[in-house]
Amino acid sequence: MRALFTIIGCYLTLTAYSQTANQHVRIRLDYEKYGQYLQEATETVEAVNKVGKSVGVEYRAGKTVVLLPGFEAKTGSVFVANVRSVSANVEKGLELTAFPNPFEQITTISYYLPANGKVNLWIADSQGKLIHRLVDDQEQTAGKHEVKWDAGAMTSGVYLSVVESNQKRINSRIVKK
């Protein structure tokens, strides 16, 4: 379990569905696309994001939910902050990893889908700019899937792999040497 989970980017969303909930989550993402999103941590959720029109976001934390300067909820959006016990063990949900990580030329992005559905998988730079679409609105079955990303032409740095399925998104940081 990671002690601190920081997301950097714009126009991306993160839904932290994994086998263990993070202790601390800091959200620096803009929720612009219609949907319902959940951010949870066993202790603290810190949000500095924007919640767009027709978007619902729920923050759940065991001790504290903090809306930092820069947080904005637009007219027509719904956000809820719940401070209550959050279990460290949650039902297996959408998962995303990359190996090797860090990598030099090629990395394998592995993701687990808890249910059948349309899938999008893309790479963004550390500023949230879309770099490459690896899977585009493709119907896939529940279970584990893998996609290779050849980043030989990309500069060294930090990238985000993002998978979206059934109105849930999760991302993972990838480092190119």
Protein backbone atom coordinates (compact mmCIF):
# COMPACT_ATOMS: atom_id res chain seq x y z
CA MET A 1 0.00 0.00 0.00
CA ARG A 2 1.34 3.43 -0.91
CA ALA A 3 1.50 6.01 1.85
CA LEU A 4 0.88 9.01 -0.44
CA PHE A 5 -0.77 8.97 -3.85
CA THR A 6 -0.39 12.18 -5.89
CA ILE A 7 -1.98 12.67 -9.31
CA ILE A 8 -0.83 15.43 -11.64
CA GLY A 9 -2.82 16.27 -14.73
CA CYS A 10 -5.81 17.91 -16.30
CA TYR A 11 -9.02 16.57 -17.78
CA LEU A 12 -8.43 13.11 -16.39
CA THR A 13 -10.24 11.34 -13.65
CA LEU A 14 -9.15 8.76 -11.19
CA THR A 15 -11.29 6.23 -9.45
CA ALA A 16 -9.26 4.35 -6.89
CA TYR A 17 -10.72 0.86 -7.01
CA SER A 18 -8.15 -1.67 -5.95
CA GLN A 19 -7.68 -4.43 -3.43
CA THR A 20 -6.41 -2.01 -0.80
CA ALA A 21 -7.53 1.58 -0.30
CA ASN A 22 -4.79 4.20 -0.11
CA GLN A 23 -4.12 5.93 3.20
CA HIS A 24 -3.90 9.40 1.64
CA VAL A 25 -5.19 10.56 -1.74
CA ARG A 26 -4.50 13.98 -3.27
CA ILE A 27 -6.61 14.71 -6.34
CA ARG A 28 -5.40 17.22 -8.93
CA LEU A 29 -7.70 16.25 -11.76
CA ASP A 30 -10.56 17.92 -13.58
CA TYR A 31 -13.77 15.93 -13.89
CA GLU A 32 -15.25 17.24 -17.13
CA LYS A 33 -16.86 14.14 -18.66
CA TYR A 34 -20.31 13.08 -17.49
CA GLY A 35 -20.21 10.26 -14.96
CA GLN A 36 -20.12 9.25 -11.32
CA TYR A 37 -16.71 9.04 -9.68
CA LEU A 38 -15.47 7.87 -6.28
CA GLN A 39 -12.26 8.88 -4.49
CA GLU A 40 -11.52 7.17 -1.20
CA ALA A 41 -8.75 6.80 1.36
CA THR A 42 -8.54 5.17 4.75
CA GLU A 43 -7.38 8.48 6.29
CA THR A 44 -7.32 11.64 4.11
CA VAL A 45 -8.65 12.86 0.76
CA GLU A 46 -7.32 16.22 -0.43
CA ALA A 47 -9.02 17.73 -3.49
CA VAL A 48 -7.82 20.65 -5.62
CA ASN A 49 -9.79 19.64 -8.70
CA LYS A 50 -12.71 21.02 -10.70
CA VAL A 51 -16.04 19.21 -10.90
CA GLY A 52 -17.77 20.01 -14.20
CA LYS A 53 -21.43 20.30 -15.10
CA SER A 54 -23.43 17.01 -14.95
CA VAL A 55 -20.64 15.23 -13.05
CA GLY A 56 -20.99 13.51 -9.69
CA VAL A 57 -17.98 12.98 -7.43
CA GLU A 58 -17.92 11.41 -3.97
CA TYR A 59 -14.97 11.74 -1.59
CA ARG A 60 -14.77 9.17 1.23
CA ALA A 61 -12.13 9.29 3.94
CA GLY A 62 -11.74 7.74 7.38
CA LYS A 63 -10.52 10.95 9.05
CA THR A 64 -10.49 14.05 6.82
CA VAL A 65 -11.73 15.42 3.49
CA VAL A 66 -9.95 18.68 2.59
CA LEU A 67 -11.00 20.96 -0.28
CA LEU A 68 -7.82 22.87 -1.10
CA PRO A 69 -7.55 26.30 -2.78
CA GLY A 70 -8.39 25.80 -6.46
CA PHE A 71 -11.21 23.33 -5.83
CA GLU A 72 -14.27 24.29 -7.88
CA ALA A 73 -17.69 22.71 -8.35
CA LYS A 74 -19.57 24.11 -11.36
CA THR A 75 -23.33 24.68 -11.56
CA GLY A 76 -25.06 21.38 -12.22
CA SER A 77 -22.36 19.27 -10.59
CA VAL A 78 -22.82 17.15 -7.49
CA PHE A 79 -20.06 16.39 -5.02
CA VAL A 80 -20.35 14.68 -1.66
CA ALA A 81 -17.76 14.46 1.08
CA ASN A 82 -18.16 11.62 3.59
CA VAL A 83 -15.95 11.26 6.62
CA ARG A 84 -16.50 7.71 7.84
CA SER A 85 -14.62 4.47 8.20
CA VAL A 86 -13.14 3.29 4.89
CA SER A 87 -12.07 -0.33 4.72
CA ALA A 88 -8.55 -1.06 3.56
CA ASN A 89 -9.89 -4.21 1.88
CA VAL A 90 -12.43 -3.48 -0.81
CA GLU A 91 -13.92 -5.64 -3.52
CA LYS A 92 -11.58 -6.20 -6.45
CA GLY A 93 -12.23 -3.53 -9.04
CA LEU A 94 -10.56 -1.86 -11.99
CA GLU A 95 -6.77 -2.31 -11.75
CA LEU A 96 -3.84 -0.97 -13.77
CA THR A 97 -0.09 -1.64 -13.69
CA ALA A 98 2.90 -1.37 -16.03
CA PHE A 99 6.03 -3.51 -16.20
CA PRO A 100 8.87 -2.96 -16.43
CA ASN A 101 8.59 0.38 -14.72
CA PRO A 102 10.82 2.35 -15.11
CA PHE A 103 11.47 1.24 -18.70
CA GLU A 104 13.69 2.22 -21.61
CA GLN A 105 11.79 1.48 -24.85
CA ILE A 106 8.77 -0.79 -24.35
CA THR A 107 6.52 -1.41 -21.34
CA THR A 108 3.57 -3.74 -20.94
CA ILE A 109 0.43 -2.15 -19.53
CA SER A 110 -1.70 -4.69 -17.71
CA TYR A 111 -5.23 -4.00 -16.54
CA TYR A 112 -7.99 -5.96 -14.86
CA LEU A 113 -11.66 -5.38 -15.70
CA PRO A 114 -14.15 -6.48 -13.02
CA ALA A 115 -16.95 -6.64 -15.65
CA ASN A 116 -17.44 -6.70 -19.43
CA GLY A 117 -17.60 -3.26 -21.04
CA LYS A 118 -16.20 -0.74 -23.46
CA VAL A 119 -12.60 0.13 -22.69
CA ASN A 120 -10.40 3.13 -23.37
CA LEU A 121 -6.69 3.04 -22.58
CA TRP A 122 -4.43 5.99 -23.24
CA ILE A 123 -1.14 7.59 -22.30
CA ALA A 124 -0.90 11.18 -21.07
CA ASP A 125 2.13 13.29 -20.24
CA SER A 126 2.67 14.65 -16.72
CA GLN A 127 0.62 17.74 -17.64
CA GLY A 128 -2.41 15.63 -18.59
CA LYS A 129 -2.03 16.03 -22.36
CA LEU A 130 -3.11 13.00 -24.39
CA ILE A 131 -0.05 11.38 -26.01
CA HIS A 132 -1.29 8.08 -27.43
CA ARG A 133 -4.51 6.01 -27.53
CA LEU A 134 -3.78 2.32 -27.07
CA VAL A 135 -7.38 1.06 -26.87
CA ASP A 136 -10.23 3.18 -28.24
CA ASP A 137 -13.81 2.39 -27.16
CA GLN A 138 -13.29 -1.37 -27.58
CA GLU A 139 -15.71 -3.93 -26.10
CA GLN A 140 -13.74 -6.28 -23.81
CA THR A 141 -14.56 -9.10 -21.41
CA ALA A 142 -13.96 -9.09 -17.67
CA GLY A 143 -10.52 -10.25 -16.62
CA LYS A 144 -6.88 -9.42 -17.20
CA HIS A 145 -5.70 -7.71 -20.42
CA GLU A 146 -2.26 -6.55 -21.60
CA VAL A 147 -1.10 -3.97 -24.16
CA LYS A 148 2.49 -3.16 -25.11
CA TRP A 149 3.46 0.50 -25.43
CA ASP A 150 6.50 1.27 -27.58
CA ALA A 151 7.70 4.63 -26.34
CA GLY A 152 11.04 4.57 -28.14
CA ALA A 153 10.38 7.94 -29.78
CA MET A 154 9.25 9.58 -26.52
CA THR A 155 11.53 11.64 -24.29
CA SER A 156 12.51 10.45 -20.84
CA GLY A 157 10.07 11.43 -18.13
CA VAL A 158 6.90 10.61 -16.25
CA TYR A 159 3.78 9.51 -18.12
CA LEU A 160 0.33 8.39 -16.98
CA SER A 161 -1.41 5.34 -18.32
CA VAL A 162 -5.17 5.68 -17.92
CA VAL A 163 -7.80 2.97 -18.32
CA GLU A 164 -11.53 3.68 -18.42
CA SER A 165 -14.36 1.15 -18.37
CA ASN A 166 -17.98 1.23 -17.18
CA GLN A 167 -17.74 4.88 -16.02
CA LYS A 168 -14.69 4.15 -13.87
CA ARG A 169 -11.15 5.35 -14.46
CA ILE A 170 -7.85 4.64 -12.84
CA ASN A 171 -4.33 5.72 -13.75
CA SER A 172 -0.81 4.58 -13.09
CA ARG A 173 2.44 6.48 -13.26
CA ILE A 174 5.01 5.19 -15.77
CA VAL A 175 8.63 6.37 -15.88
CA LYS A 176 10.62 6.27 -19.12
CA LYS A 177 14.38 6.28 -18.57
